[in-house]
Every structure is written in C-alpha cells, then in structure tokens.
All heavy atoms as atom14 arrays in JSON, in Angstrom:
{
  "sequence": "INISKSYDDLQVIKDFSVSISKGEKVGIVGTNGVGKTTLLRMLMK",
  "atom14_mask": [
    [1, 1, 1, 1, 1, 1, 1, 1, 0, 0, 0, 0, 0, 0],
    [1, 1, 1, 1, 1, 1, 1, 1, 0, 0, 0, 0, 0, 0],
    [1, 1, 1, 1, 1, 1, 1, 1, 0, 0, 0, 0, 0, 0],
    [1, 1, 1, 1, 1, 1, 0, 0, 0, 0, 0, 0, 0, 0],
    [1, 1, 1, 1, 1, 1, 1, 1, 1, 0, 0, 0, 0, 0],
    [1, 1, 1, 1, 1, 1, 0, 0, 0, 0, 0, 0, 0, 0],
    [1, 1, 1, 1, 1, 1, 1, 1, 1, 1, 1, 1, 0, 0],
    [1, 1, 1, 1, 1, 1, 1, 1, 0, 0, 0, 0, 0, 0],
    [1, 1, 1, 1, 1, 1, 1, 1, 0, 0, 0, 0, 0, 0],
    [1, 1, 1, 1, 1, 1, 1, 1, 0, 0, 0, 0, 0, 0],
    [1, 1, 1, 1, 1, 1, 1, 1, 1, 0, 0, 0, 0, 0],
    [1, 1, 1, 1, 1, 1, 1, 0, 0, 0, 0, 0, 0, 0],
    [1, 1, 1, 1, 1, 1, 1, 1, 0, 0, 0, 0, 0, 0],
    [1, 1, 1, 1, 1, 1, 1, 1, 1, 0, 0, 0, 0, 0],
    [1, 1, 1, 1, 1, 1, 1, 1, 0, 0, 0, 0, 0, 0],
    [1, 1, 1, 1, 1, 1, 1, 1, 1, 1, 1, 0, 0, 0],
    [1, 1, 1, 1, 1, 1, 0, 0, 0, 0, 0, 0, 0, 0],
    [1, 1, 1, 1, 1, 1, 1, 0, 0, 0, 0, 0, 0, 0],
    [1, 1, 1, 1, 1, 1, 0, 0, 0, 0, 0, 0, 0, 0],
    [1, 1, 1, 1, 1, 1, 1, 1, 0, 0, 0, 0, 0, 0],
    [1, 1, 1, 1, 1, 1, 0, 0, 0, 0, 0, 0, 0, 0],
    [1, 1, 1, 1, 1, 1, 1, 1, 1, 0, 0, 0, 0, 0],
    [1, 1, 1, 1, 0, 0, 0, 0, 0, 0, 0, 0, 0, 0],
    [1, 1, 1, 1, 1, 1, 1, 1, 1, 0, 0, 0, 0, 0],
    [1, 1, 1, 1, 1, 1, 1, 1, 1, 0, 0, 0, 0, 0],
    [1, 1, 1, 1, 1, 1, 1, 0, 0, 0, 0, 0, 0, 0],
    [1, 1, 1, 1, 0, 0, 0, 0, 0, 0, 0, 0, 0, 0],
    [1, 1, 1, 1, 1, 1, 1, 1, 0, 0, 0, 0, 0, 0],
    [1, 1, 1, 1, 1, 1, 1, 0, 0, 0, 0, 0, 0, 0],
    [1, 1, 1, 1, 0, 0, 0, 0, 0, 0, 0, 0, 0, 0],
    [1, 1, 1, 1, 1, 1, 1, 0, 0, 0, 0, 0, 0, 0],
    [1, 1, 1, 1, 1, 1, 1, 1, 0, 0, 0, 0, 0, 0],
    [1, 1, 1, 1, 0, 0, 0, 0, 0, 0, 0, 0, 0, 0],
    [1, 1, 1, 1, 1, 1, 1, 0, 0, 0, 0, 0, 0, 0],
    [1, 1, 1, 1, 0, 0, 0, 0, 0, 0, 0, 0, 0, 0],
    [1, 1, 1, 1, 1, 1, 1, 1, 1, 0, 0, 0, 0, 0],
    [1, 1, 1, 1, 1, 1, 1, 0, 0, 0, 0, 0, 0, 0],
    [1, 1, 1, 1, 1, 1, 1, 0, 0, 0, 0, 0, 0, 0],
    [1, 1, 1, 1, 1, 1, 1, 1, 0, 0, 0, 0, 0, 0],
    [1, 1, 1, 1, 1, 1, 1, 1, 0, 0, 0, 0, 0, 0],
    [1, 1, 1, 1, 1, 1, 1, 1, 1, 1, 1, 0, 0, 0],
    [1, 1, 1, 1, 1, 1, 1, 1, 0, 0, 0, 0, 0, 0],
    [1, 1, 1, 1, 1, 1, 1, 1, 0, 0, 0, 0, 0, 0],
    [1, 1, 1, 1, 1, 1, 1, 1, 0, 0, 0, 0, 0, 0],
    [1, 1, 1, 1, 1, 1, 1, 1, 1, 0, 0, 0, 0, 0]
  ],
  "atom14_positions": [
    [[-9.93, 0.91, -2.45], [-11.05, 0.02, -2.09], [-10.62, -1.44, -2.29], [-10.46, -1.9, -3.44], [-12.3, 0.32, -2.94], [-12.69, 1.78, -2.79], [-13.47, -0.58, -2.5], [-13.73, 2.25, -3.81], [0.0, 0.0, 0.0], [0.0, 0.0, 0.0], [0.0, 0.0, 0.0], [0.0, 0.0, 0.0], [0.0, 0.0, 0.0], [0.0, 0.0, 0.0]],
    [[-10.35, -2.12, -1.18], [-10.0, -3.58, -1.2], [-8.9, -3.9, -2.21], [-9.01, -4.87, -2.98], [-11.27, -4.4, -1.52], [-12.32, -4.27, -0.44], [-12.0, -4.15, 0.75], [-13.58, -4.26, -0.84], [0.0, 0.0, 0.0], [0.0, 0.0, 0.0], [0.0, 0.0, 0.0], [0.0, 0.0, 0.0], [0.0, 0.0, 0.0], [0.0, 0.0, 0.0]],
    [[-7.82, -3.13, -2.17], [-6.74, -3.4, -3.13], [-5.84, -4.52, -2.6], [-5.58, -4.65, -1.4], [-5.9, -2.15, -3.43], [-5.3, -1.53, -2.16], [-6.71, -1.12, -4.21], [-4.31, -0.39, -2.45], [0.0, 0.0, 0.0], [0.0, 0.0, 0.0], [0.0, 0.0, 0.0], [0.0, 0.0, 0.0], [0.0, 0.0, 0.0], [0.0, 0.0, 0.0]],
    [[-5.34, -5.36, -3.53], [-4.44, -6.46, -3.22], [-3.34, -6.51, -4.27], [-3.53, -6.12, -5.43], [-5.16, -7.8, -3.21], [-6.19, -7.83, -2.21], [0.0, 0.0, 0.0], [0.0, 0.0, 0.0], [0.0, 0.0, 0.0], [0.0, 0.0, 0.0], [0.0, 0.0, 0.0], [0.0, 0.0, 0.0], [0.0, 0.0, 0.0], [0.0, 0.0, 0.0]],
    [[-2.15, -7.02, -3.83], [-1.05, -7.18, -4.78], [-0.15, -8.32, -4.32], [0.2, -8.4, -3.14], [-0.23, -5.88, -4.87], [0.82, -5.9, -5.96], [0.21, -5.92, -7.35], [1.22, -6.01, -8.45], [0.6, -6.09, -9.78], [0.0, 0.0, 0.0], [0.0, 0.0, 0.0], [0.0, 0.0, 0.0], [0.0, 0.0, 0.0], [0.0, 0.0, 0.0]],
    [[0.2, -9.18, -5.29], [1.09, -10.3, -5.0], [2.22, -10.31, -6.03], [2.08, -9.84, -7.15], [0.33, -11.64, -5.09], [-0.67, -11.72, -4.13], [0.0, 0.0, 0.0], [0.0, 0.0, 0.0], [0.0, 0.0, 0.0], [0.0, 0.0, 0.0], [0.0, 0.0, 0.0], [0.0, 0.0, 0.0], [0.0, 0.0, 0.0], [0.0, 0.0, 0.0]],
    [[3.38, -10.85, -5.6], [4.49, -11.14, -6.49], [4.76, -12.63, -6.42], [5.2, -13.15, -5.38], [5.74, -10.35, -6.05], [5.56, -8.85, -6.17], [5.28, -8.07, -5.05], [5.7, -8.2, -7.41], [5.13, -6.69, -5.15], [5.54, -6.83, -7.51], [5.27, -6.07, -6.39], [5.11, -4.7, -6.48], [0.0, 0.0, 0.0], [0.0, 0.0, 0.0]],
    [[4.44, -13.35, -7.49], [4.5, -14.82, -7.49], [3.62, -15.33, -6.36], [2.45, -15.0, -6.3], [5.96, -15.31, -7.37], [6.78, -14.85, -8.59], [6.23, -14.8, -9.7], [7.96, -14.53, -8.39], [0.0, 0.0, 0.0], [0.0, 0.0, 0.0], [0.0, 0.0, 0.0], [0.0, 0.0, 0.0], [0.0, 0.0, 0.0], [0.0, 0.0, 0.0]],
    [[4.2, -16.1, -5.42], [3.41, -16.65, -4.33], [3.36, -15.75, -3.1], [2.75, -16.13, -2.09], [3.98, -18.03, -3.94], [3.87, -19.05, -5.07], [2.93, -18.92, -5.86], [4.74, -19.95, -5.15], [0.0, 0.0, 0.0], [0.0, 0.0, 0.0], [0.0, 0.0, 0.0], [0.0, 0.0, 0.0], [0.0, 0.0, 0.0], [0.0, 0.0, 0.0]],
    [[4.03, -14.63, -3.15], [4.09, -13.76, -2.0], [3.05, -12.65, -2.1], [3.12, -11.8, -2.99], [5.51, -13.12, -1.89], [5.71, -12.13, -0.74], [5.6, -12.83, 0.61], [7.06, -11.44, -0.88], [0.0, 0.0, 0.0], [0.0, 0.0, 0.0], [0.0, 0.0, 0.0], [0.0, 0.0, 0.0], [0.0, 0.0, 0.0], [0.0, 0.0, 0.0]],
    [[2.07, -12.67, -1.19], [1.05, -11.64, -1.17], [1.55, -10.48, -0.31], [1.82, -10.64, 0.88], [-0.29, -12.16, -0.63], [-1.38, -11.1, -0.71], [-2.78, -11.66, -0.7], [-3.07, -12.57, 0.05], [-3.64, -11.16, -1.59], [0.0, 0.0, 0.0], [0.0, 0.0, 0.0], [0.0, 0.0, 0.0], [0.0, 0.0, 0.0], [0.0, 0.0, 0.0]],
    [[1.69, -9.33, -0.93], [2.27, -8.15, -0.24], [1.17, -7.29, 0.4], [1.27, -6.91, 1.55], [3.1, -7.33, -1.25], [3.71, -6.11, -0.55], [4.21, -8.18, -1.83], [0.0, 0.0, 0.0], [0.0, 0.0, 0.0], [0.0, 0.0, 0.0], [0.0, 0.0, 0.0], [0.0, 0.0, 0.0], [0.0, 0.0, 0.0], [0.0, 0.0, 0.0]],
    [[0.13, -6.98, -0.36], [-1.0, -6.19, 0.13], [-2.26, -7.0, -0.07], [-2.48, -7.56, -1.16], [-1.12, -4.85, -0.64], [0.21, -4.07, -0.65], [-2.25, -3.99, -0.07], [0.64, -3.54, 0.69], [0.0, 0.0, 0.0], [0.0, 0.0, 0.0], [0.0, 0.0, 0.0], [0.0, 0.0, 0.0], [0.0, 0.0, 0.0], [0.0, 0.0, 0.0]],
    [[-3.12, -7.06, 0.97], [-4.33, -7.87, 0.89], [-5.55, -7.07, 1.34], [-5.62, -6.61, 2.49], [-4.21, -9.14, 1.72], [-5.43, -10.06, 1.63], [-5.23, -11.31, 2.5], [-6.45, -12.22, 2.39], [-6.31, -13.41, 3.25], [0.0, 0.0, 0.0], [0.0, 0.0, 0.0], [0.0, 0.0, 0.0], [0.0, 0.0, 0.0], [0.0, 0.0, 0.0]],
    [[-6.5, -6.88, 0.44], [-7.81, -6.3, 0.74], [-7.7, -5.05, 1.63], [-8.37, -4.9, 2.62], [-8.7, -7.32, 1.46], [-9.03, -8.5, 0.54], [-9.06, -8.32, -0.67], [-9.23, -9.61, 1.09], [0.0, 0.0, 0.0], [0.0, 0.0, 0.0], [0.0, 0.0, 0.0], [0.0, 0.0, 0.0], [0.0, 0.0, 0.0], [0.0, 0.0, 0.0]],
    [[-6.87, -4.1, 1.17], [-6.65, -2.88, 1.97], [-7.52, -1.76, 1.43], [-7.6, -1.5, 0.24], [-5.19, -2.47, 1.92], [-4.9, -1.18, 2.62], [-5.14, -1.06, 3.99], [-4.37, -0.09, 1.95], [-4.89, 0.13, 4.66], [-4.11, 1.1, 2.62], [-4.35, 1.21, 3.98], [0.0, 0.0, 0.0], [0.0, 0.0, 0.0], [0.0, 0.0, 0.0]],
    [[-8.18, -1.08, 2.36], [-9.01, 0.08, 2.0], [-8.57, 1.28, 2.86], [-8.25, 1.14, 4.04], [-10.49, -0.2, 2.25], [-10.95, -1.25, 1.43], [0.0, 0.0, 0.0], [0.0, 0.0, 0.0], [0.0, 0.0, 0.0], [0.0, 0.0, 0.0], [0.0, 0.0, 0.0], [0.0, 0.0, 0.0], [0.0, 0.0, 0.0], [0.0, 0.0, 0.0]],
    [[-8.53, 2.46, 2.22], [-8.12, 3.66, 2.93], [-8.68, 4.87, 2.22], [-8.86, 4.86, 0.98], [-6.58, 3.76, 3.06], [-5.95, 4.04, 1.69], [-6.16, 4.82, 4.06], [0.0, 0.0, 0.0], [0.0, 0.0, 0.0], [0.0, 0.0, 0.0], [0.0, 0.0, 0.0], [0.0, 0.0, 0.0], [0.0, 0.0, 0.0], [0.0, 0.0, 0.0]],
    [[-8.96, 5.94, 2.98], [-9.39, 7.21, 2.41], [-8.48, 8.3, 2.97], [-8.32, 8.4, 4.2], [-10.85, 7.49, 2.77], [-11.24, 8.73, 2.23], [0.0, 0.0, 0.0], [0.0, 0.0, 0.0], [0.0, 0.0, 0.0], [0.0, 0.0, 0.0], [0.0, 0.0, 0.0], [0.0, 0.0, 0.0], [0.0, 0.0, 0.0], [0.0, 0.0, 0.0]],
    [[-7.85, 9.08, 2.08], [-6.93, 10.13, 2.5], [-7.48, 11.48, 2.03], [-7.87, 11.62, 0.88], [-5.52, 9.86, 1.91], [-4.95, 8.56, 2.51], [-4.58, 11.03, 2.2], [-3.71, 8.06, 1.83], [0.0, 0.0, 0.0], [0.0, 0.0, 0.0], [0.0, 0.0, 0.0], [0.0, 0.0, 0.0], [0.0, 0.0, 0.0], [0.0, 0.0, 0.0]],
    [[-7.48, 12.45, 2.94], [-8.14, 13.73, 2.68], [-7.17, 14.88, 2.52], [-5.96, 14.73, 2.78], [-9.11, 14.04, 3.82], [-10.04, 13.0, 4.0], [0.0, 0.0, 0.0], [0.0, 0.0, 0.0], [0.0, 0.0, 0.0], [0.0, 0.0, 0.0], [0.0, 0.0, 0.0], [0.0, 0.0, 0.0], [0.0, 0.0, 0.0], [0.0, 0.0, 0.0]],
    [[-7.7, 16.02, 2.17], [-6.92, 17.25, 1.98], [-6.19, 17.61, 3.28], [-6.74, 17.56, 4.37], [-7.87, 18.39, 1.59], [-7.16, 19.75, 1.45], [-8.15, 20.85, 1.12], [-7.47, 22.19, 1.04], [-8.41, 23.29, 0.7], [0.0, 0.0, 0.0], [0.0, 0.0, 0.0], [0.0, 0.0, 0.0], [0.0, 0.0, 0.0], [0.0, 0.0, 0.0]],
    [[-4.93, 18.01, 3.13], [-4.15, 18.54, 4.25], [-3.48, 17.48, 5.13], [-2.67, 17.83, 6.0], [0.0, 0.0, 0.0], [0.0, 0.0, 0.0], [0.0, 0.0, 0.0], [0.0, 0.0, 0.0], [0.0, 0.0, 0.0], [0.0, 0.0, 0.0], [0.0, 0.0, 0.0], [0.0, 0.0, 0.0], [0.0, 0.0, 0.0], [0.0, 0.0, 0.0]],
    [[-3.78, 16.19, 4.88], [-3.14, 15.16, 5.7], [-1.68, 14.97, 5.27], [-1.35, 15.08, 4.07], [-3.89, 13.82, 5.57], [-5.24, 13.81, 6.28], [-5.76, 12.39, 6.44], [-6.27, 11.83, 5.46], [-5.66, 11.84, 7.57], [0.0, 0.0, 0.0], [0.0, 0.0, 0.0], [0.0, 0.0, 0.0], [0.0, 0.0, 0.0], [0.0, 0.0, 0.0]],
    [[-0.84, 14.64, 6.25], [0.54, 14.31, 5.98], [0.75, 12.89, 6.53], [0.83, 12.68, 7.74], [1.48, 15.32, 6.6], [1.39, 16.71, 5.95], [2.34, 17.7, 6.55], [2.42, 18.97, 5.73], [1.17, 19.74, 5.68], [0.0, 0.0, 0.0], [0.0, 0.0, 0.0], [0.0, 0.0, 0.0], [0.0, 0.0, 0.0], [0.0, 0.0, 0.0]],
    [[0.84, 11.92, 5.59], [0.77, 10.5, 5.94], [2.16, 9.87, 5.81], [2.79, 9.95, 4.72], [-0.21, 9.75, 5.02], [-0.34, 8.29, 5.45], [-1.59, 10.44, 5.08], [0.0, 0.0, 0.0], [0.0, 0.0, 0.0], [0.0, 0.0, 0.0], [0.0, 0.0, 0.0], [0.0, 0.0, 0.0], [0.0, 0.0, 0.0], [0.0, 0.0, 0.0]],
    [[2.65, 9.25, 6.87], [3.92, 8.53, 6.83], [3.65, 7.04, 6.72], [2.87, 6.48, 7.5], [0.0, 0.0, 0.0], [0.0, 0.0, 0.0], [0.0, 0.0, 0.0], [0.0, 0.0, 0.0], [0.0, 0.0, 0.0], [0.0, 0.0, 0.0], [0.0, 0.0, 0.0], [0.0, 0.0, 0.0], [0.0, 0.0, 0.0], [0.0, 0.0, 0.0]],
    [[4.3, 6.38, 5.74], [4.16, 4.94, 5.56], [5.43, 4.28, 6.09], [6.54, 4.58, 5.64], [3.93, 4.59, 4.07], [2.67, 5.28, 3.56], [3.82, 3.08, 3.89], [2.42, 5.08, 2.08], [0.0, 0.0, 0.0], [0.0, 0.0, 0.0], [0.0, 0.0, 0.0], [0.0, 0.0, 0.0], [0.0, 0.0, 0.0], [0.0, 0.0, 0.0]],
    [[5.28, 3.39, 7.09], [6.43, 2.78, 7.74], [6.33, 1.26, 7.69], [5.27, 0.69, 7.41], [6.57, 3.24, 9.21], [6.72, 4.76, 9.28], [5.36, 2.79, 10.06], [0.0, 0.0, 0.0], [0.0, 0.0, 0.0], [0.0, 0.0, 0.0], [0.0, 0.0, 0.0], [0.0, 0.0, 0.0], [0.0, 0.0, 0.0], [0.0, 0.0, 0.0]],
    [[7.44, 0.6, 7.98], [7.48, -0.86, 7.98], [8.87, -1.31, 7.54], [9.67, -0.51, 7.04], [0.0, 0.0, 0.0], [0.0, 0.0, 0.0], [0.0, 0.0, 0.0], [0.0, 0.0, 0.0], [0.0, 0.0, 0.0], [0.0, 0.0, 0.0], [0.0, 0.0, 0.0], [0.0, 0.0, 0.0], [0.0, 0.0, 0.0], [0.0, 0.0, 0.0]],
    [[9.17, -2.58, 7.71], [10.48, -3.08, 7.37], [10.71, -3.1, 5.87], [9.78, -3.01, 5.08], [10.68, -4.51, 7.94], [12.06, -4.87, 7.85], [9.87, -5.53, 7.22], [0.0, 0.0, 0.0], [0.0, 0.0, 0.0], [0.0, 0.0, 0.0], [0.0, 0.0, 0.0], [0.0, 0.0, 0.0], [0.0, 0.0, 0.0], [0.0, 0.0, 0.0]],
    [[11.98, -3.24, 5.46], [12.3, -3.33, 4.03], [11.69, -4.59, 3.42], [11.66, -5.65, 4.04], [13.82, -3.37, 3.83], [14.46, -2.02, 3.99], [13.79, -1.0, 3.92], [15.75, -1.99, 4.21], [0.0, 0.0, 0.0], [0.0, 0.0, 0.0], [0.0, 0.0, 0.0], [0.0, 0.0, 0.0], [0.0, 0.0, 0.0], [0.0, 0.0, 0.0]],
    [[11.17, -4.46, 2.19], [10.65, -5.61, 1.48], [9.24, -6.0, 1.84], [8.7, -6.98, 1.33], [0.0, 0.0, 0.0], [0.0, 0.0, 0.0], [0.0, 0.0, 0.0], [0.0, 0.0, 0.0], [0.0, 0.0, 0.0], [0.0, 0.0, 0.0], [0.0, 0.0, 0.0], [0.0, 0.0, 0.0], [0.0, 0.0, 0.0], [0.0, 0.0, 0.0]],
    [[8.58, -5.21, 2.7], [7.25, -5.6, 3.2], [6.12, -5.08, 2.31], [4.98, -5.54, 2.4], [7.06, -5.15, 4.66], [6.73, -3.65, 4.73], [6.03, -5.99, 5.38], [0.0, 0.0, 0.0], [0.0, 0.0, 0.0], [0.0, 0.0, 0.0], [0.0, 0.0, 0.0], [0.0, 0.0, 0.0], [0.0, 0.0, 0.0], [0.0, 0.0, 0.0]],
    [[6.41, -4.09, 1.43], [5.38, -3.61, 0.5], [5.07, -2.14, 0.58], [4.05, -1.7, 0.02], [0.0, 0.0, 0.0], [0.0, 0.0, 0.0], [0.0, 0.0, 0.0], [0.0, 0.0, 0.0], [0.0, 0.0, 0.0], [0.0, 0.0, 0.0], [0.0, 0.0, 0.0], [0.0, 0.0, 0.0], [0.0, 0.0, 0.0], [0.0, 0.0, 0.0]],
    [[5.88, -1.33, 1.24], [5.59, 0.1, 1.38], [5.55, 0.81, 0.0], [4.63, 1.53, -0.31], [6.64, 0.77, 2.28], [6.76, 0.19, 3.66], [7.68, 1.01, 4.56], [9.1, 1.09, 4.05], [9.81, -0.22, 4.02], [0.0, 0.0, 0.0], [0.0, 0.0, 0.0], [0.0, 0.0, 0.0], [0.0, 0.0, 0.0], [0.0, 0.0, 0.0]],
    [[6.61, 0.54, -0.79], [6.67, 1.17, -2.11], [5.57, 0.65, -3.03], [4.99, 1.4, -3.81], [8.07, 0.95, -2.74], [9.05, 1.6, -1.94], [8.13, 1.48, -4.17], [0.0, 0.0, 0.0], [0.0, 0.0, 0.0], [0.0, 0.0, 0.0], [0.0, 0.0, 0.0], [0.0, 0.0, 0.0], [0.0, 0.0, 0.0], [0.0, 0.0, 0.0]],
    [[5.26, -0.63, -2.9], [4.15, -1.21, -3.67], [2.85, -0.49, -3.38], [2.1, -0.12, -4.29], [4.01, -2.72, -3.37], [5.19, -3.38, -3.79], [2.8, -3.31, -4.05], [0.0, 0.0, 0.0], [0.0, 0.0, 0.0], [0.0, 0.0, 0.0], [0.0, 0.0, 0.0], [0.0, 0.0, 0.0], [0.0, 0.0, 0.0], [0.0, 0.0, 0.0]],
    [[2.56, -0.25, -2.1], [1.36, 0.46, -1.72], [1.36, 1.9, -2.27], [0.34, 2.36, -2.85], [1.22, 0.51, -0.18], [0.07, 1.34, 0.37], [-1.27, 0.82, -0.11], [0.11, 1.38, 1.91], [0.0, 0.0, 0.0], [0.0, 0.0, 0.0], [0.0, 0.0, 0.0], [0.0, 0.0, 0.0], [0.0, 0.0, 0.0], [0.0, 0.0, 0.0]],
    [[2.48, 2.58, -2.15], [2.58, 3.96, -2.61], [2.38, 4.03, -4.14], [1.67, 4.91, -4.64], [3.95, 4.53, -2.22], [4.05, 6.05, -2.16], [3.17, 6.62, -1.06], [5.51, 6.47, -1.94], [0.0, 0.0, 0.0], [0.0, 0.0, 0.0], [0.0, 0.0, 0.0], [0.0, 0.0, 0.0], [0.0, 0.0, 0.0], [0.0, 0.0, 0.0]],
    [[2.97, 3.11, -4.85], [2.86, 3.12, -6.32], [1.44, 2.8, -6.78], [0.97, 3.32, -7.79], [3.86, 2.13, -6.91], [5.3, 2.65, -6.87], [6.29, 1.6, -7.33], [6.04, 1.17, -8.7], [6.41, 1.84, -9.78], [7.08, 2.96, -9.66], [6.14, 1.38, -10.99], [0.0, 0.0, 0.0], [0.0, 0.0, 0.0], [0.0, 0.0, 0.0]],
    [[0.72, 1.96, -6.02], [-0.67, 1.67, -6.36], [-1.54, 2.91, -6.11], [-2.39, 3.26, -6.92], [-1.2, 0.46, -5.57], [-0.69, -0.86, -6.1], [-1.62, -2.3, -5.47], [-1.15, -2.29, -3.75], [0.0, 0.0, 0.0], [0.0, 0.0, 0.0], [0.0, 0.0, 0.0], [0.0, 0.0, 0.0], [0.0, 0.0, 0.0], [0.0, 0.0, 0.0]],
    [[-1.29, 3.59, -4.99], [-2.03, 4.83, -4.72], [-1.77, 5.91, -5.79], [-2.64, 6.7, -6.12], [-1.68, 5.37, -3.34], [-2.15, 4.54, -2.14], [-1.63, 5.11, -0.84], [-3.69, 4.46, -2.1], [0.0, 0.0, 0.0], [0.0, 0.0, 0.0], [0.0, 0.0, 0.0], [0.0, 0.0, 0.0], [0.0, 0.0, 0.0], [0.0, 0.0, 0.0]],
    [[-0.58, 5.87, -6.35], [-0.2, 6.85, -7.38], [-0.62, 6.38, -8.79], [-0.32, 7.06, -9.79], [1.31, 7.07, -7.36], [1.78, 8.03, -6.27], [1.13, 9.7, -6.5], [1.94, 10.2, -7.99], [0.0, 0.0, 0.0], [0.0, 0.0, 0.0], [0.0, 0.0, 0.0], [0.0, 0.0, 0.0], [0.0, 0.0, 0.0], [0.0, 0.0, 0.0]],
    [[-1.27, 5.23, -8.88], [-1.7, 4.63, -10.15], [-0.51, 4.36, -11.09], [-0.64, 4.4, -12.31], [-2.73, 5.55, -10.85], [-4.04, 5.68, -10.08], [-5.06, 6.47, -10.89], [-6.38, 6.57, -10.16], [-7.41, 7.3, -10.93], [0.0, 0.0, 0.0], [0.0, 0.0, 0.0], [0.0, 0.0, 0.0], [0.0, 0.0, 0.0], [0.0, 0.0, 0.0]]
  ]
}
C-alpha cells in the first residue's frame, strides 16, 4: 500500500500499490539498478 523507497537523493520506488493472489506467477522485469530487487525485498519484509 503506497510503498516508497529512496537511496540518498535517488527515489527508486514511489507510492506503489499492488495485490498478489494465490497461484499467480509474477515476473519482475526492468533494467539493472532500477529497483527490482528493492521491490522484491520490501514485499518479502
């Protein structure tokens, strides 16, 4: 729910909301350094 994450002055994730349900297989894509692992680690707490 409206998650955001910055590193110093670089905002990687801004006000992102998502709901993931049972049985879904979700692929996270994007260029290197853009925040894919950051998003995954936040979802994993």
